[in-house]
Amino acid sequence: MPDPGPIHALPDLSVVAPAHNERENVAELVRQIEAALDRAGIRHEIVIVDDGSTDGTREVVERLMRDRPSLRCVKMLRTPPGKGNGQSAAFHAGFRAARAPLIATLDADLQNDPADLPAMLDLMRSSGADLVQGDRSHARRDSAVRRWGSVVGRLFRRWLLGDTIRDTGCSLRIMRREVALALPLEFRGAHRFIPVTARHLGYAVVEMPVNHRPRAAGETKYGMGIAQRAIPGLIDCFAIRWMRSRRRPVECVEVERAADATPVVSVRTPQEASR
């Protein structure tokens, strides 16, 4: 697990962005995040998770890191040749590297707008929510096929999971670090169920309309067909439902020792006593 760094210099917000072959977008992504958060006076760090990139994405980030102390790069290990481990695994790694008490996520393809982050942070504070989920449904810039697929997927999630989140596939969100670390993201595809899983765990989730932009550079990592999106998504719904049915409460407290309890007398060997 990456070293989260010294506690005395914690930022207010960690922005985690998985990147797989996003060389053409990552520098502009960093610039836009810095502009949005610096303008709002939010102390932050940016954690780019390089998920098996083969196009020089990590090298671009390393160059940017030379004069940006707040920019960090986490490299995923054991990735398949020419591929990444996927967003779920990348988020899992990024969350454990993040140092701030609040964690924001977004895609590295520039379709999410970092300018929405200050307003999402304001909503989190005013509502008392544990997670603010972005909703792009009013401004989707995807093809009709992808928009229709999202509608079908939403119906299945509501039927199988009782999931009322309108745009659970939007990666733009802010959550408390406690929530991020509780999510079972070591399983492929689990990132698509972050809001509903947070609710299952007892956390408060609210939604907020956010901007959505068309991809300007690079290639999409998502397929369009039934075999590529619909069927795996349906299988994942059943998996999340099974996990929810098997989940058990793990909250606990340590029992205080009674004031009149008999002290524990340590027993030492003769060798120890002679030291």
Protein backbone atom coordinates (compact mmCIF):
# COMPACT_ATOMS: atom_id res chain seq x y z
CA MET A 1 0.00 0.00 0.00
CA PRO A 2 1.39 3.47 -0.86
CA ASP A 3 2.64 5.56 2.06
CA PRO A 4 -0.01 8.25 2.73
CA GLY A 5 2.71 10.62 3.95
CA PRO A 6 3.15 12.76 7.08
CA ILE A 7 0.05 13.63 9.08
CA HIS A 8 1.13 17.22 9.84
CA ALA A 9 0.58 18.41 6.25
CA LEU A 10 -2.81 16.96 5.43
CA PRO A 11 -4.80 18.58 2.58
CA ASP A 12 -8.53 19.19 2.91
CA LEU A 13 -9.39 17.22 -0.22
CA SER A 14 -7.72 14.41 -2.15
CA VAL A 15 -8.71 14.15 -5.81
CA VAL A 16 -8.24 10.61 -7.13
CA ALA A 17 -8.25 10.01 -10.89
CA PRO A 18 -7.54 6.59 -12.45
CA ALA A 19 -5.79 6.89 -15.81
CA HIS A 20 -5.24 4.21 -18.44
CA ASN A 21 -3.63 5.56 -21.62
CA GLU A 22 -4.68 9.17 -21.07
CA ARG A 23 -1.42 10.87 -22.11
CA GLU A 24 -3.24 13.48 -24.17
CA ASN A 25 -5.59 14.44 -21.33
CA VAL A 26 -3.71 14.14 -18.06
CA ALA A 27 -1.84 17.48 -18.14
CA GLU A 28 -5.04 19.41 -18.87
CA LEU A 29 -6.83 17.42 -16.17
CA VAL A 30 -4.27 18.49 -13.57
CA ARG A 31 -4.47 22.10 -14.74
CA GLN A 32 -8.27 22.19 -14.50
CA ILE A 33 -8.34 20.59 -11.05
CA GLU A 34 -5.77 23.07 -9.75
CA ALA A 35 -7.62 26.02 -11.27
CA ALA A 36 -10.98 24.99 -9.77
CA LEU A 37 -9.71 24.23 -6.27
CA ASP A 38 -7.15 27.04 -6.01
CA ARG A 39 -9.85 29.53 -7.00
CA ALA A 40 -12.06 28.21 -4.18
CA GLY A 41 -9.22 28.22 -1.66
CA ILE A 42 -9.39 24.46 -1.08
CA ARG A 43 -6.15 22.83 0.05
CA HIS A 44 -5.82 19.73 -2.04
CA GLU A 45 -3.70 16.98 -3.46
CA ILE A 46 -4.14 15.19 -6.79
CA VAL A 47 -3.52 11.44 -6.95
CA ILE A 48 -3.25 10.08 -10.49
CA VAL A 49 -3.45 6.29 -10.53
CA ASP A 50 -1.59 4.92 -13.53
CA ASP A 51 -3.44 1.71 -14.34
CA GLY A 52 -1.15 -0.13 -16.73
CA SER A 53 -0.75 2.69 -19.28
CA THR A 54 1.44 1.96 -22.29
CA ASP A 55 1.28 5.37 -23.99
CA GLY A 56 3.52 7.36 -21.64
CA THR A 57 0.79 8.62 -19.28
CA ARG A 58 2.95 8.03 -16.20
CA GLU A 59 5.92 9.83 -17.75
CA VAL A 60 3.73 12.90 -18.34
CA VAL A 61 2.59 12.85 -14.72
CA GLU A 62 6.16 12.47 -13.47
CA ARG A 63 7.20 15.56 -15.44
CA LEU A 64 4.29 17.51 -13.97
CA MET A 65 5.27 16.39 -10.46
CA ARG A 66 8.63 18.17 -10.67
CA ASP A 67 7.14 21.55 -9.75
CA ARG A 68 3.87 20.41 -8.16
CA PRO A 69 4.30 19.10 -4.59
CA SER A 70 0.56 18.43 -4.39
CA LEU A 71 0.59 16.09 -7.39
CA ARG A 72 1.25 12.40 -6.72
CA CYS A 73 1.30 9.31 -8.89
CA VAL A 74 0.39 5.76 -7.87
CA LYS A 75 1.44 2.97 -10.22
CA MET A 76 -0.69 -0.17 -10.32
CA LEU A 77 1.31 -3.41 -10.25
CA ARG A 78 0.56 -6.83 -11.76
CA THR A 79 -1.53 -5.39 -14.60
CA PRO A 80 -2.24 -7.59 -17.64
CA PRO A 81 0.05 -6.82 -20.62
CA GLY A 82 -1.34 -3.82 -22.49
CA LYS A 83 -4.31 -3.51 -20.12
CA GLY A 84 -5.18 -2.14 -16.72
CA ASN A 85 -6.78 -3.74 -13.70
CA GLY A 86 -9.85 -1.53 -14.14
CA GLN A 87 -11.36 1.46 -12.38
CA SER A 88 -12.47 -0.46 -9.29
CA ALA A 89 -8.94 -1.63 -8.50
CA ALA A 90 -7.48 1.79 -9.37
CA PHE A 91 -9.91 3.56 -7.04
CA HIS A 92 -9.08 1.02 -4.32
CA ALA A 93 -5.37 1.87 -4.62
CA GLY A 94 -5.95 5.61 -4.89
CA PHE A 95 -8.19 5.75 -1.82
CA ARG A 96 -5.50 4.10 0.29
CA ALA A 97 -2.88 6.53 -0.96
CA ALA A 98 -5.11 9.58 -0.33
CA ARG A 99 -4.27 11.62 2.78
CA ALA A 100 -7.23 14.00 3.14
CA PRO A 101 -10.36 13.37 5.23
CA LEU A 102 -12.44 13.96 2.09
CA ILE A 103 -11.86 12.23 -1.24
CA ALA A 104 -13.11 13.32 -4.66
CA THR A 105 -13.09 11.08 -7.71
CA LEU A 106 -13.33 11.78 -11.42
CA ASP A 107 -12.39 10.24 -14.73
CA ALA A 108 -9.12 11.25 -16.39
CA ASP A 109 -10.73 11.67 -19.83
CA LEU A 110 -11.89 15.27 -19.11
CA GLN A 111 -15.57 14.38 -19.50
CA ASN A 112 -16.10 15.17 -15.80
CA ASP A 113 -15.70 18.86 -15.01
CA PRO A 114 -13.47 19.67 -11.99
CA ALA A 115 -15.21 23.06 -11.75
CA ASP A 116 -18.16 21.22 -10.14
CA LEU A 117 -16.07 20.12 -7.13
CA PRO A 118 -16.37 23.27 -4.95
CA ALA A 119 -20.18 23.25 -5.23
CA MET A 120 -20.28 19.54 -4.41
CA LEU A 121 -18.14 20.19 -1.35
CA ASP A 122 -20.51 22.99 -0.28
CA LEU A 123 -23.49 20.63 -0.67
CA MET A 124 -21.76 17.96 1.38
CA ARG A 125 -21.21 20.40 4.23
CA SER A 126 -24.68 21.92 4.14
CA SER A 127 -26.54 18.60 3.86
CA GLY A 128 -24.40 16.61 6.26
CA ALA A 129 -24.12 13.83 3.67
CA ASP A 130 -21.32 11.30 3.69
CA LEU A 131 -21.20 11.12 -0.12
CA VAL A 132 -22.26 13.54 -2.86
CA GLN A 133 -22.86 11.77 -6.17
CA GLY A 134 -22.72 13.62 -9.48
CA ASP A 135 -25.68 13.34 -11.86
CA ARG A 136 -24.98 13.93 -15.57
CA SER A 137 -28.40 12.80 -16.81
CA HIS A 138 -29.52 16.32 -17.71
CA ALA A 139 -26.38 17.01 -19.75
CA ARG A 140 -25.17 13.69 -21.17
CA ARG A 141 -22.84 14.12 -24.13
CA ASP A 142 -22.75 10.44 -25.06
CA SER A 143 -24.26 8.62 -28.02
CA ALA A 144 -27.92 7.55 -28.03
CA VAL A 145 -26.81 3.93 -27.61
CA ARG A 146 -24.93 4.69 -24.39
CA ARG A 147 -27.74 6.86 -23.03
CA TRP A 148 -30.29 4.11 -23.72
CA GLY A 149 -27.99 1.57 -22.11
CA SER A 150 -27.83 3.75 -19.00
CA VAL A 151 -31.63 3.84 -18.78
CA VAL A 152 -31.88 0.05 -19.02
CA GLY A 153 -29.10 -0.41 -16.48
CA ARG A 154 -30.84 1.97 -14.07
CA LEU A 155 -34.06 -0.06 -14.29
CA PHE A 156 -32.22 -3.30 -13.52
CA ARG A 157 -30.40 -1.74 -10.56
CA ARG A 158 -33.64 -0.42 -9.13
CA TRP A 159 -35.31 -3.82 -9.56
CA LEU A 160 -32.48 -5.92 -8.13
CA LEU A 161 -30.90 -3.55 -5.60
CA GLY A 162 -33.50 -0.92 -4.82
CA ASP A 163 -30.98 1.57 -6.20
CA THR A 164 -32.65 4.97 -6.72
CA ILE A 165 -29.43 6.81 -7.68
CA ARG A 166 -30.09 8.38 -11.07
CA ASP A 167 -26.53 8.31 -12.45
CA THR A 168 -24.49 5.76 -10.50
CA GLY A 169 -22.03 5.51 -13.41
CA CYS A 170 -20.85 9.10 -12.98
CA SER A 171 -17.33 9.07 -11.52
CA LEU A 172 -17.57 12.65 -10.24
CA ARG A 173 -18.27 12.41 -6.50
CA ILE A 174 -16.99 13.47 -3.09
CA MET A 175 -17.05 11.22 -0.02
CA ARG A 176 -15.61 10.95 3.42
CA ARG A 177 -12.44 8.87 3.54
CA GLU A 178 -14.15 6.45 5.90
CA VAL A 179 -16.71 5.67 3.19
CA ALA A 180 -14.04 5.22 0.52
CA LEU A 181 -12.07 2.73 2.61
CA ALA A 182 -15.20 0.68 3.40
CA LEU A 183 -16.07 0.02 -0.25
CA PRO A 184 -15.25 -3.47 -1.64
CA LEU A 185 -13.44 -2.17 -4.71
CA GLU A 186 -11.02 -5.04 -5.08
CA PHE A 187 -13.72 -6.67 -7.23
CA ARG A 188 -13.94 -5.76 -10.92
CA GLY A 189 -16.96 -3.61 -11.77
CA ALA A 190 -17.71 -2.66 -8.15
CA HIS A 191 -17.02 1.03 -8.84
CA ARG A 192 -20.34 1.25 -10.71
CA PHE A 193 -22.13 0.55 -7.43
CA ILE A 194 -20.32 2.97 -5.13
CA PRO A 195 -23.40 5.08 -4.18
CA VAL A 196 -25.76 2.15 -3.53
CA THR A 197 -23.06 0.25 -1.62
CA ALA A 198 -22.44 3.32 0.55
CA ARG A 199 -26.16 3.43 1.35
CA HIS A 200 -26.17 -0.28 2.17
CA LEU A 201 -23.35 0.43 4.62
CA GLY A 202 -25.51 3.06 6.33
CA TYR A 203 -23.99 6.23 4.90
CA ALA A 204 -26.04 9.22 3.73
CA VAL A 205 -25.86 9.84 -0.04
CA VAL A 206 -27.21 12.85 -1.94
CA GLU A 207 -27.12 13.66 -5.65
CA MET A 208 -26.20 16.86 -7.47
CA PRO A 209 -26.49 17.81 -11.16
CA VAL A 210 -23.04 18.18 -12.72
CA ASN A 211 -21.61 19.08 -16.08
CA HIS A 212 -20.66 16.47 -18.69
CA ARG A 213 -18.39 17.01 -21.67
CA PRO A 214 -17.60 14.99 -24.80
CA ARG A 215 -14.25 13.20 -24.95
CA ALA A 216 -11.85 15.41 -26.89
CA ALA A 217 -8.79 13.13 -27.04
CA GLY A 218 -7.86 9.51 -26.46
CA GLU A 219 -10.07 6.45 -26.83
CA THR A 220 -13.01 5.33 -24.75
CA LYS A 221 -12.38 2.32 -22.51
CA TYR A 222 -16.00 1.13 -22.56
CA GLY A 223 -17.63 -1.16 -25.09
CA MET A 224 -21.04 -0.58 -26.62
CA GLY A 225 -22.53 -4.04 -27.17
CA ILE A 226 -24.72 -6.27 -25.04
CA ALA A 227 -21.87 -8.69 -24.39
CA GLN A 228 -19.51 -5.85 -23.40
CA ARG A 229 -21.76 -3.79 -21.11
CA ALA A 230 -25.27 -5.13 -20.52
CA ILE A 231 -24.56 -8.74 -19.57
CA PRO A 232 -21.52 -8.00 -17.34
CA GLY A 233 -23.50 -5.20 -15.71
CA LEU A 234 -26.42 -7.52 -14.98
CA ILE A 235 -24.09 -10.17 -13.53
CA ASP A 236 -22.49 -7.48 -11.35
CA CYS A 237 -25.96 -6.49 -10.07
CA PHE A 238 -26.55 -10.06 -8.90
CA ALA A 239 -23.09 -10.13 -7.29
CA ILE A 240 -23.72 -6.91 -5.38
CA ARG A 241 -27.12 -8.21 -4.29
CA TRP A 242 -25.50 -11.41 -3.00
CA MET A 243 -22.85 -9.43 -1.14
CA ARG A 244 -25.52 -7.24 0.42
CA SER A 245 -27.47 -10.28 1.63
CA ARG A 246 -24.31 -11.74 3.20
CA ARG A 247 -23.05 -8.52 4.81
CA ARG A 248 -23.09 -8.45 8.60
CA PRO A 249 -22.62 -5.50 10.99
CA VAL A 250 -19.01 -5.07 12.11
CA GLU A 251 -19.34 -2.03 14.42
CA CYS A 252 -17.86 -2.65 17.84
CA VAL A 253 -16.53 -0.93 20.96
CA GLU A 254 -13.93 -2.03 23.44
CA VAL A 255 -15.31 -2.90 26.89
CA GLU A 256 -13.78 -0.72 29.61
CA ARG A 257 -12.01 -2.44 32.46
CA ALA A 258 -13.92 -2.15 35.75
CA ALA A 259 -12.35 0.23 38.26
CA ASP A 260 -12.20 -2.45 40.97
CA ALA A 261 -10.91 -5.17 38.67
CA THR A 262 -8.03 -7.22 39.99
CA PRO A 263 -4.79 -6.11 38.32
CA VAL A 264 -3.15 -8.63 36.08
CA VAL A 265 0.06 -9.89 37.69
CA SER A 266 2.74 -10.66 35.17
CA VAL A 267 4.75 -13.82 35.67
CA ARG A 268 8.41 -13.74 34.72
CA THR A 269 10.87 -16.54 34.35
CA PRO A 270 13.96 -16.61 36.59
CA GLN A 271 16.03 -15.57 33.60
CA GLU A 272 13.86 -12.50 33.03
CA ALA A 273 13.91 -11.60 36.74
CA SER A 274 17.70 -11.60 36.79
CA ARG A 275 17.97 -9.05 33.98
